[in-house]
């Protein structure tokens, strides 16, 4: 995702077929690493047409660049999706969508301390239901379909809770809510508790600089940085709402956090050093 931000800047500075293809290649690699990055394909395709460097080009040239970006990125993930269509019955990027939906949509994640999170026991109960229905020889396709439907059914039956659940998911992914429970979840996934806790507090310390960096970029008319930042932040928030809240679910927005915070920190250091020189 950091490479995607850099390649978007390259496209903005020098829009052309080559830079569009490179950006599409970067997005394709990101999507094969984390499936939710695929959302960036159409979003950055549209954003590329309105980047500062592209705005001086005719609309036909802009559309060509966006089409190249989308074509390259889509072709990289297309073969994998076709494989999953054969193996899982749906052309999905992730092969555990059923597990994800079952674990994110159950009583334990719709209220209480795990609100907005993911619970493995919910998956196990859904998997047991699949075993009961299909027997011990059930296929991966049957398991995926059954667990996916279990999650969708729970969401439909608890529509009234969805706004609260969605808000909790976004807050969890943003790292500003239910910190200890989220930390425990991250550790259960195999992460080092000490490093994860350090990262949690470091992220919180950066957030004021992120906001300040966005303001500085707006005031200095660095609209391309704001554009790519908005796209990737929206992508992370959308994924959290659609799936569940987790530290790793903000992967697409992590470069934005680093970039915007760096802008504010450099701006502050420039002022401090300039004052000292003047004195």
C-alpha atoms as a PDB file:
ATOM      1  CA  UNK A   1       0.000   0.000   0.000  1.00  0.00           C
ATOM      2  CA  UNK A   2       2.943   2.340   0.579  1.00  0.00           C
ATOM      3  CA  UNK A   3       4.062   1.534  -2.963  1.00  0.00           C
ATOM      4  CA  UNK A   4       0.563   2.350  -4.225  1.00  0.00           C
ATOM      5  CA  UNK A   5       0.756   5.820  -2.634  1.00  0.00           C
ATOM      6  CA  UNK A   6       4.167   6.423  -4.240  1.00  0.00           C
ATOM      7  CA  UNK A   7       2.966   5.172  -7.634  1.00  0.00           C
ATOM      8  CA  UNK A   8      -0.087   7.408  -7.436  1.00  0.00           C
ATOM      9  CA  UNK A   9       2.252  10.354  -6.847  1.00  0.00           C
ATOM     10  CA  UNK A  10       4.269   9.230  -9.899  1.00  0.00           C
ATOM     11  CA  UNK A  11       1.109   9.141 -12.017  1.00  0.00           C
ATOM     12  CA  UNK A  12       0.096  12.585 -10.780  1.00  0.00           C
ATOM     13  CA  UNK A  13       3.506  14.059 -11.608  1.00  0.00           C
ATOM     14  CA  UNK A  14       3.762  12.373 -15.005  1.00  0.00           C
ATOM     15  CA  UNK A  15       0.465  10.882 -16.177  1.00  0.00           C
ATOM     16  CA  UNK A  16       0.807   8.383 -18.985  1.00  0.00           C
ATOM     17  CA  UNK A  17       0.208   4.772 -19.955  1.00  0.00           C
ATOM     18  CA  UNK A  18       3.421   3.599 -18.279  1.00  0.00           C
ATOM     19  CA  UNK A  19       2.711   5.270 -14.919  1.00  0.00           C
ATOM     20  CA  UNK A  20      -0.915   4.083 -15.059  1.00  0.00           C
ATOM     21  CA  UNK A  21       0.221   0.501 -15.690  1.00  0.00           C
ATOM     22  CA  UNK A  22       2.698   0.680 -12.813  1.00  0.00           C
ATOM     23  CA  UNK A  23      -0.018   1.985 -10.485  1.00  0.00           C
ATOM     24  CA  UNK A  24      -2.325  -0.822 -11.588  1.00  0.00           C
ATOM     25  CA  UNK A  25       0.465  -3.326 -10.979  1.00  0.00           C
ATOM     26  CA  UNK A  26       0.981  -1.982  -7.446  1.00  0.00           C
ATOM     27  CA  UNK A  27      -2.729  -2.172  -6.657  1.00  0.00           C
ATOM     28  CA  UNK A  28      -2.857  -5.721  -8.050  1.00  0.00           C
ATOM     29  CA  UNK A  29      -0.012  -6.824  -5.780  1.00  0.00           C
ATOM     30  CA  UNK A  30      -1.726  -5.211  -2.792  1.00  0.00           C
ATOM     31  CA  UNK A  31      -5.023  -6.965  -3.617  1.00  0.00           C
ATOM     32  CA  UNK A  32      -3.286 -10.345  -3.827  1.00  0.00           C
ATOM     33  CA  UNK A  33      -1.764  -9.653  -0.404  1.00  0.00           C
ATOM     34  CA  UNK A  34      -4.896  -8.337   1.305  1.00  0.00           C
ATOM     35  CA  UNK A  35      -8.160  -8.895  -0.516  1.00  0.00           C
ATOM     36  CA  UNK A  36      -9.765  -5.649   0.668  1.00  0.00           C
ATOM     37  CA  UNK A  37      -7.156  -3.668  -1.275  1.00  0.00           C
ATOM     38  CA  UNK A  38      -9.090  -4.685  -4.412  1.00  0.00           C
ATOM     39  CA  UNK A  39     -11.555  -1.939  -3.494  1.00  0.00           C
ATOM     40  CA  UNK A  40      -8.790   0.488  -4.460  1.00  0.00           C
ATOM     41  CA  UNK A  41      -8.981  -0.625  -8.098  1.00  0.00           C
ATOM     42  CA  UNK A  42     -12.144   1.313  -9.036  1.00  0.00           C
ATOM     43  CA  UNK A  43     -11.625   4.031  -6.426  1.00  0.00           C
ATOM     44  CA  UNK A  44      -8.085   4.914  -7.496  1.00  0.00           C
ATOM     45  CA  UNK A  45      -9.118   4.505 -11.122  1.00  0.00           C
ATOM     46  CA  UNK A  46     -11.573   7.366 -10.634  1.00  0.00           C
ATOM     47  CA  UNK A  47      -9.160   9.353  -8.440  1.00  0.00           C
ATOM     48  CA  UNK A  48      -6.428   9.094 -11.083  1.00  0.00           C
ATOM     49  CA  UNK A  49      -8.598  11.047 -13.534  1.00  0.00           C
ATOM     50  CA  UNK A  50      -8.764  13.998 -11.128  1.00  0.00           C
ATOM     51  CA  UNK A  51      -5.123  14.087 -10.001  1.00  0.00           C
ATOM     52  CA  UNK A  52      -3.464  17.452 -10.597  1.00  0.00           C
ATOM     53  CA  UNK A  53      -1.207  16.182 -13.373  1.00  0.00           C
ATOM     54  CA  UNK A  54      -4.120  14.514 -15.151  1.00  0.00           C
ATOM     55  CA  UNK A  55      -6.399  17.553 -15.013  1.00  0.00           C
ATOM     56  CA  UNK A  56      -4.412  19.243 -17.795  1.00  0.00           C
ATOM     57  CA  UNK A  57      -5.063  16.266 -20.091  1.00  0.00           C
ATOM     58  CA  UNK A  58      -8.073  15.759 -22.364  1.00  0.00           C
ATOM     59  CA  UNK A  59     -10.813  13.561 -20.932  1.00  0.00           C
ATOM     60  CA  UNK A  60     -10.069  10.850 -23.468  1.00  0.00           C
ATOM     61  CA  UNK A  61      -6.472  10.590 -22.250  1.00  0.00           C
ATOM     62  CA  UNK A  62      -7.582  10.553 -18.624  1.00  0.00           C
ATOM     63  CA  UNK A  63     -10.060   7.754 -19.322  1.00  0.00           C
ATOM     64  CA  UNK A  64      -7.374   5.793 -21.144  1.00  0.00           C
ATOM     65  CA  UNK A  65      -5.052   6.042 -18.147  1.00  0.00           C
ATOM     66  CA  UNK A  66      -7.796   4.959 -15.749  1.00  0.00           C
ATOM     67  CA  UNK A  67      -8.721   2.061 -18.042  1.00  0.00           C
ATOM     68  CA  UNK A  68      -5.102   0.876 -18.184  1.00  0.00           C
ATOM     69  CA  UNK A  69      -4.853   1.073 -14.387  1.00  0.00           C
ATOM     70  CA  UNK A  70      -8.031  -0.974 -13.889  1.00  0.00           C
ATOM     71  CA  UNK A  71      -7.141  -3.481 -16.627  1.00  0.00           C
ATOM     72  CA  UNK A  72      -3.662  -4.217 -15.251  1.00  0.00           C
ATOM     73  CA  UNK A  73      -4.870  -4.515 -11.651  1.00  0.00           C
ATOM     74  CA  UNK A  74      -7.879  -6.629 -12.606  1.00  0.00           C
ATOM     75  CA  UNK A  75      -5.835  -8.987 -14.760  1.00  0.00           C
ATOM     76  CA  UNK A  76      -3.507  -9.663 -11.822  1.00  0.00           C
ATOM     77  CA  UNK A  77      -6.330 -10.788  -9.546  1.00  0.00           C
ATOM     78  CA  UNK A  78      -8.529 -12.299 -12.272  1.00  0.00           C
ATOM     79  CA  UNK A  79      -6.795 -15.680 -12.461  1.00  0.00           C
ATOM     80  CA  UNK A  80      -7.012 -16.129  -8.692  1.00  0.00           C
ATOM     81  CA  UNK A  81     -10.711 -15.231  -8.712  1.00  0.00           C
ATOM     82  CA  UNK A  82     -11.388 -17.736 -11.493  1.00  0.00           C
ATOM     83  CA  UNK A  83      -9.614 -20.410  -9.460  1.00  0.00           C
ATOM     84  CA  UNK A  84     -11.837 -19.583  -6.480  1.00  0.00           C
ATOM     85  CA  UNK A  85     -14.933 -19.707  -8.686  1.00  0.00           C
ATOM     86  CA  UNK A  86     -14.046 -23.297  -9.490  1.00  0.00           C
ATOM     87  CA  UNK A  87     -13.006 -24.271  -5.960  1.00  0.00           C
ATOM     88  CA  UNK A  88     -15.442 -22.267  -3.814  1.00  0.00           C
ATOM     89  CA  UNK A  89     -18.381 -21.579  -6.113  1.00  0.00           C
ATOM     90  CA  UNK A  90     -18.003 -17.779  -6.109  1.00  0.00           C
ATOM     91  CA  UNK A  91     -15.420 -15.512  -7.821  1.00  0.00           C
ATOM     92  CA  UNK A  92     -13.999 -14.172  -4.554  1.00  0.00           C
ATOM     93  CA  UNK A  93     -10.544 -12.933  -3.694  1.00  0.00           C
ATOM     94  CA  UNK A  94     -10.575 -14.402  -0.187  1.00  0.00           C
ATOM     95  CA  UNK A  95     -11.173 -18.116   0.321  1.00  0.00           C
ATOM     96  CA  UNK A  96     -12.503 -17.674   3.857  1.00  0.00           C
ATOM     97  CA  UNK A  97     -15.322 -15.203   3.326  1.00  0.00           C
ATOM     98  CA  UNK A  98     -17.781 -17.588   4.963  1.00  0.00           C
ATOM     99  CA  UNK A  99     -15.624 -17.917   8.054  1.00  0.00           C
ATOM    100  CA  UNK A 100     -15.230 -14.125   8.209  1.00  0.00           C
ATOM    101  CA  UNK A 101     -18.962 -13.413   7.985  1.00  0.00           C
ATOM    102  CA  UNK A 102     -19.886 -16.103  10.510  1.00  0.00           C
ATOM    103  CA  UNK A 103     -17.320 -14.888  13.026  1.00  0.00           C
ATOM    104  CA  UNK A 104     -18.261 -11.229  12.615  1.00  0.00           C
ATOM    105  CA  UNK A 105     -22.043 -11.602  12.743  1.00  0.00           C
ATOM    106  CA  UNK A 106     -23.232 -13.357  15.881  1.00  0.00           C
ATOM    107  CA  UNK A 107     -24.625 -12.502  19.318  1.00  0.00           C
ATOM    108  CA  UNK A 108     -21.155 -12.044  20.831  1.00  0.00           C
ATOM    109  CA  UNK A 109     -20.075  -9.421  18.272  1.00  0.00           C
ATOM    110  CA  UNK A 110     -23.362  -7.507  18.237  1.00  0.00           C
ATOM    111  CA  UNK A 111     -23.243  -6.566  21.940  1.00  0.00           C
ATOM    112  CA  UNK A 112     -20.939  -6.668  24.959  1.00  0.00           C
ATOM    113  CA  UNK A 113     -17.172  -6.420  25.205  1.00  0.00           C
ATOM    114  CA  UNK A 114     -16.603  -7.949  21.761  1.00  0.00           C
ATOM    115  CA  UNK A 115     -18.959  -5.559  19.952  1.00  0.00           C
ATOM    116  CA  UNK A 116     -17.727  -4.993  16.404  1.00  0.00           C
ATOM    117  CA  UNK A 117     -15.046  -7.678  16.621  1.00  0.00           C
ATOM    118  CA  UNK A 118     -14.633 -11.271  15.376  1.00  0.00           C
ATOM    119  CA  UNK A 119     -15.234 -14.386  17.472  1.00  0.00           C
ATOM    120  CA  UNK A 120     -13.877 -17.815  16.572  1.00  0.00           C
ATOM    121  CA  UNK A 121     -16.469 -19.667  18.710  1.00  0.00           C
ATOM    122  CA  UNK A 122     -19.151 -18.271  16.386  1.00  0.00           C
ATOM    123  CA  UNK A 123     -17.323 -19.806  13.444  1.00  0.00           C
ATOM    124  CA  UNK A 124     -17.037 -23.149  15.222  1.00  0.00           C
ATOM    125  CA  UNK A 125     -20.771 -23.237  15.885  1.00  0.00           C
ATOM    126  CA  UNK A 126     -21.512 -22.481  12.231  1.00  0.00           C
ATOM    127  CA  UNK A 127     -18.986 -25.104  11.104  1.00  0.00           C
ATOM    128  CA  UNK A 128     -20.638 -27.655  13.386  1.00  0.00           C
ATOM    129  CA  UNK A 129     -23.944 -26.853  11.714  1.00  0.00           C
ATOM    130  CA  UNK A 130     -22.370 -27.515   8.315  1.00  0.00           C
ATOM    131  CA  UNK A 131     -21.039 -30.849   9.556  1.00  0.00           C
ATOM    132  CA  UNK A 132     -24.485 -31.769  10.867  1.00  0.00           C
ATOM    133  CA  UNK A 133     -26.082 -30.907   7.527  1.00  0.00           C
ATOM    134  CA  UNK A 134     -23.518 -32.331   5.108  1.00  0.00           C
ATOM    135  CA  UNK A 135     -21.768 -34.937   7.247  1.00  0.00           C
ATOM    136  CA  UNK A 136     -18.044 -35.303   7.987  1.00  0.00           C
ATOM    137  CA  UNK A 137     -17.212 -35.404   4.268  1.00  0.00           C
ATOM    138  CA  UNK A 138     -18.517 -31.930   3.577  1.00  0.00           C
ATOM    139  CA  UNK A 139     -16.492 -29.993   0.974  1.00  0.00           C
ATOM    140  CA  UNK A 140     -14.773 -26.633   1.403  1.00  0.00           C
ATOM    141  CA  UNK A 141     -17.373 -25.151  -0.929  1.00  0.00           C
ATOM    142  CA  UNK A 142     -20.217 -26.415   1.265  1.00  0.00           C
ATOM    143  CA  UNK A 143     -18.531 -25.174   4.452  1.00  0.00           C
ATOM    144  CA  UNK A 144     -17.917 -21.729   2.956  1.00  0.00           C
ATOM    145  CA  UNK A 145     -21.498 -21.431   1.693  1.00  0.00           C
ATOM    146  CA  UNK A 146     -23.024 -22.575   5.001  1.00  0.00           C
ATOM    147  CA  UNK A 147     -20.926 -20.311   7.236  1.00  0.00           C
ATOM    148  CA  UNK A 148     -21.422 -17.343   4.903  1.00  0.00           C
ATOM    149  CA  UNK A 149     -25.192 -17.810   5.005  1.00  0.00           C
ATOM    150  CA  UNK A 150     -25.097 -18.107   8.818  1.00  0.00           C
ATOM    151  CA  UNK A 151     -23.433 -14.702   9.066  1.00  0.00           C
ATOM    152  CA  UNK A 152     -25.767 -13.073   6.536  1.00  0.00           C
ATOM    153  CA  UNK A 153     -28.844 -14.520   8.262  1.00  0.00           C
ATOM    154  CA  UNK A 154     -27.769 -13.172  11.654  1.00  0.00           C
ATOM    155  CA  UNK A 155     -27.173  -9.715  10.180  1.00  0.00           C
ATOM    156  CA  UNK A 156     -30.608  -9.697   8.546  1.00  0.00           C
ATOM    157  CA  UNK A 157     -32.311 -10.789  11.738  1.00  0.00           C
ATOM    158  CA  UNK A 158     -30.601  -8.028  13.748  1.00  0.00           C
ATOM    159  CA  UNK A 159     -30.852  -5.089  11.340  1.00  0.00           C
ATOM    160  CA  UNK A 160     -31.577  -2.696  14.170  1.00  0.00           C
ATOM    161  CA  UNK A 161     -28.117  -3.318  15.666  1.00  0.00           C
ATOM    162  CA  UNK A 162     -26.207  -2.765  12.417  1.00  0.00           C
ATOM    163  CA  UNK A 163     -25.564   1.020  12.850  1.00  0.00           C
ATOM    164  CA  UNK A 164     -24.088   0.445  16.336  1.00  0.00           C
ATOM    165  CA  UNK A 165     -22.079  -2.554  15.152  1.00  0.00           C
ATOM    166  CA  UNK A 166     -20.779  -0.631  12.118  1.00  0.00           C
ATOM    167  CA  UNK A 167     -19.671   2.305  14.272  1.00  0.00           C
ATOM    168  CA  UNK A 168     -17.879  -0.047  16.679  1.00  0.00           C
ATOM    169  CA  UNK A 169     -16.144  -1.793  13.778  1.00  0.00           C
ATOM    170  CA  UNK A 170     -14.810   1.471  12.364  1.00  0.00           C
ATOM    171  CA  UNK A 171     -13.705   2.669  15.830  1.00  0.00           C
ATOM    172  CA  UNK A 172     -11.877  -0.611  16.441  1.00  0.00           C
ATOM    173  CA  UNK A 173     -10.079  -0.411  13.104  1.00  0.00           C
ATOM    174  CA  UNK A 174      -9.180   3.213  13.785  1.00  0.00           C
ATOM    175  CA  UNK A 175      -7.624   2.103  17.074  1.00  0.00           C
ATOM    176  CA  UNK A 176      -9.664   4.409  19.293  1.00  0.00           C
ATOM    177  CA  UNK A 177     -12.143   2.071  20.994  1.00  0.00           C
ATOM    178  CA  UNK A 178     -12.071  -1.109  23.139  1.00  0.00           C
ATOM    179  CA  UNK A 179      -8.291  -1.044  23.121  1.00  0.00           C
ATOM    180  CA  UNK A 180      -7.618  -3.858  25.594  1.00  0.00           C
ATOM    181  CA  UNK A 181     -10.075  -6.246  23.964  1.00  0.00           C
ATOM    182  CA  UNK A 182      -8.598  -5.434  20.557  1.00  0.00           C
ATOM    183  CA  UNK A 183      -5.096  -5.985  21.926  1.00  0.00           C
ATOM    184  CA  UNK A 184      -6.130  -9.410  23.247  1.00  0.00           C
ATOM    185  CA  UNK A 185      -7.568 -10.246  19.816  1.00  0.00           C
ATOM    186  CA  UNK A 186      -4.347  -9.217  18.080  1.00  0.00           C
ATOM    187  CA  UNK A 187      -2.291 -11.359  20.472  1.00  0.00           C
ATOM    188  CA  UNK A 188      -4.561 -14.372  19.862  1.00  0.00           C
ATOM    189  CA  UNK A 189      -3.785 -13.988  16.175  1.00  0.00           C
ATOM    190  CA  UNK A 190      -0.130 -14.627  17.015  1.00  0.00           C
ATOM    191  CA  UNK A 191       1.327 -11.162  17.538  1.00  0.00           C
ATOM    192  CA  UNK A 192       3.813 -10.198  20.258  1.00  0.00           C
ATOM    193  CA  UNK A 193       1.904  -8.529  23.092  1.00  0.00           C
ATOM    194  CA  UNK A 194       4.660  -6.065  24.033  1.00  0.00           C
ATOM    195  CA  UNK A 195       5.235  -4.875  20.479  1.00  0.00           C
ATOM    196  CA  UNK A 196       1.518  -4.766  19.772  1.00  0.00           C
ATOM    197  CA  UNK A 197       0.878  -2.623  22.858  1.00  0.00           C
ATOM    198  CA  UNK A 198       3.728  -0.308  21.882  1.00  0.00           C
ATOM    199  CA  UNK A 199       2.271  -0.007  18.391  1.00  0.00           C
ATOM    200  CA  UNK A 200      -1.171   0.719  19.837  1.00  0.00           C
ATOM    201  CA  UNK A 201       0.068   3.663  21.904  1.00  0.00           C
ATOM    202  CA  UNK A 202       2.328   4.917  19.109  1.00  0.00           C
ATOM    203  CA  UNK A 203      -0.675   4.928  16.758  1.00  0.00           C
ATOM    204  CA  UNK A 204      -2.739   6.913  19.248  1.00  0.00           C
ATOM    205  CA  UNK A 205       0.096   9.430  19.646  1.00  0.00           C
ATOM    206  CA  UNK A 206       0.219   9.911  15.865  1.00  0.00           C
ATOM    207  CA  UNK A 207      -3.501  10.590  15.377  1.00  0.00           C
ATOM    208  CA  UNK A 208      -3.389  14.325  16.338  1.00  0.00           C
ATOM    209  CA  UNK A 209      -0.523  14.764  13.864  1.00  0.00           C
ATOM    210  CA  UNK A 210      -2.573  12.971  11.209  1.00  0.00           C
ATOM    211  CA  UNK A 211      -5.381  15.520  11.585  1.00  0.00           C
ATOM    212  CA  UNK A 212      -2.916  18.403  11.612  1.00  0.00           C
ATOM    213  CA  UNK A 213      -1.183  17.001   8.529  1.00  0.00           C
ATOM    214  CA  UNK A 214      -4.478  16.851   6.651  1.00  0.00           C
ATOM    215  CA  UNK A 215      -5.151  20.508   7.518  1.00  0.00           C
ATOM    216  CA  UNK A 216      -1.665  21.535   6.349  1.00  0.00           C
ATOM    217  CA  UNK A 217      -2.086  19.642   3.071  1.00  0.00           C
ATOM    218  CA  UNK A 218      -5.445  21.346   2.514  1.00  0.00           C
ATOM    219  CA  UNK A 219      -4.087  24.827   3.248  1.00  0.00           C
ATOM    220  CA  UNK A 220      -1.052  24.271   0.996  1.00  0.00           C
ATOM    221  CA  UNK A 221      -3.298  22.901  -1.770  1.00  0.00           C
ATOM    222  CA  UNK A 222      -1.655  19.476  -1.902  1.00  0.00           C
ATOM    223  CA  UNK A 223      -4.924  18.029  -3.125  1.00  0.00           C
ATOM    224  CA  UNK A 224      -3.436  14.841  -4.619  1.00  0.00           C
ATOM    225  CA  UNK A 225      -2.177  13.704  -1.222  1.00  0.00           C
ATOM    226  CA  UNK A 226      -5.604  14.421   0.250  1.00  0.00           C
ATOM    227  CA  UNK A 227      -7.273  12.595  -2.634  1.00  0.00           C
ATOM    228  CA  UNK A 228      -5.319   9.366  -2.264  1.00  0.00           C
ATOM    229  CA  UNK A 229      -5.595   9.669   1.518  1.00  0.00           C
ATOM    230  CA  UNK A 230      -9.382   9.966   1.335  1.00  0.00           C
ATOM    231  CA  UNK A 231      -9.658   7.001  -1.031  1.00  0.00           C
ATOM    232  CA  UNK A 232      -7.532   4.661   1.088  1.00  0.00           C
ATOM    233  CA  UNK A 233      -9.141   5.783   4.362  1.00  0.00           C
ATOM    234  CA  UNK A 234     -12.610   5.258   2.905  1.00  0.00           C
ATOM    235  CA  UNK A 235     -11.495   1.829   1.685  1.00  0.00           C
ATOM    236  CA  UNK A 236     -10.373   0.822   5.192  1.00  0.00           C
ATOM    237  CA  UNK A 237     -13.577   2.147   6.775  1.00  0.00           C
ATOM    238  CA  UNK A 238     -15.757   0.376   4.204  1.00  0.00           C
ATOM    239  CA  UNK A 239     -13.980  -2.927   4.845  1.00  0.00           C
ATOM    240  CA  UNK A 240     -14.454  -2.532   8.601  1.00  0.00           C
ATOM    241  CA  UNK A 241     -18.177  -1.869   8.175  1.00  0.00           C
ATOM    242  CA  UNK A 242     -18.628  -4.772   5.766  1.00  0.00           C
ATOM    243  CA  UNK A 243     -16.538  -7.298   7.736  1.00  0.00           C
ATOM    244  CA  UNK A 244     -15.373  -6.471  11.265  1.00  0.00           C
ATOM    245  CA  UNK A 245     -13.148  -4.099  13.185  1.00  0.00           C
ATOM    246  CA  UNK A 246      -9.515  -5.037  13.697  1.00  0.00           C
ATOM    247  CA  UNK A 247      -6.062  -3.475  13.722  1.00  0.00           C
ATOM    248  CA  UNK A 248      -5.098  -5.284  10.526  1.00  0.00           C
ATOM    249  CA  UNK A 249      -8.266  -4.157   8.777  1.00  0.00           C
ATOM    250  CA  UNK A 250      -6.826  -0.657   8.487  1.00  0.00           C
ATOM    251  CA  UNK A 251      -3.884  -1.943   6.429  1.00  0.00           C
ATOM    252  CA  UNK A 252      -4.900   0.098   3.387  1.00  0.00           C
ATOM    253  CA  UNK A 253      -4.922   3.304   5.459  1.00  0.00           C
ATOM    254  CA  UNK A 254      -1.647   2.776   7.340  1.00  0.00           C
ATOM    255  CA  UNK A 255       0.459   4.652   4.721  1.00  0.00           C
ATOM    256  CA  UNK A 256      -1.967   7.570   5.020  1.00  0.00           C
ATOM    257  CA  UNK A 257      -1.442   7.686   8.796  1.00  0.00           C
ATOM    258  CA  UNK A 258       2.331   7.720   8.312  1.00  0.00           C
ATOM    259  CA  UNK A 259       2.270  10.273   5.485  1.00  0.00           C
ATOM    260  CA  UNK A 260      -0.099  12.782   7.073  1.00  0.00           C
ATOM    261  CA  UNK A 261       1.602  12.543  10.474  1.00  0.00           C
ATOM    262  CA  UNK A 262       4.996  13.057   8.821  1.00  0.00           C
ATOM    263  CA  UNK A 263       3.740  16.213   7.102  1.00  0.00           C
ATOM    264  CA  UNK A 264       2.702  17.720  10.444  1.00  0.00           C
ATOM    265  CA  UNK A 265       5.883  16.644  12.250  1.00  0.00           C
ATOM    266  CA  UNK A 266       8.149  18.071   9.527  1.00  0.00           C
ATOM    267  CA  UNK A 267       6.122  21.301   9.491  1.00  0.00           C
ATOM    268  CA  UNK A 268       6.495  21.598  13.264  1.00  0.00           C
ATOM    269  CA  UNK A 269      10.231  20.877  13.186  1.00  0.00           C
ATOM    270  CA  UNK A 270      10.734  23.451  10.439  1.00  0.00           C
ATOM    271  CA  UNK A 271       9.071  26.106  12.598  1.00  0.00           C
ATOM    272  CA  UNK A 272      11.021  25.153  15.711  1.00  0.00           C
ATOM    273  CA  UNK A 273      14.371  25.093  13.919  1.00  0.00           C
ATOM    274  CA  UNK A 274      13.585  28.303  12.086  1.00  0.00           C
ATOM    275  CA  UNK A 275      12.822  30.062  15.384  1.00  0.00           C
ATOM    276  CA  UNK A 276      16.059  28.909  16.900  1.00  0.00           C
ATOM    277  CA  UNK A 277      18.035  30.136  13.904  1.00  0.00           C
ATOM    278  CA  UNK A 278      16.281  33.505  14.089  1.00  0.00           C
ATOM    279  CA  UNK A 279      17.078  33.829  17.778  1.00  0.00           C
END
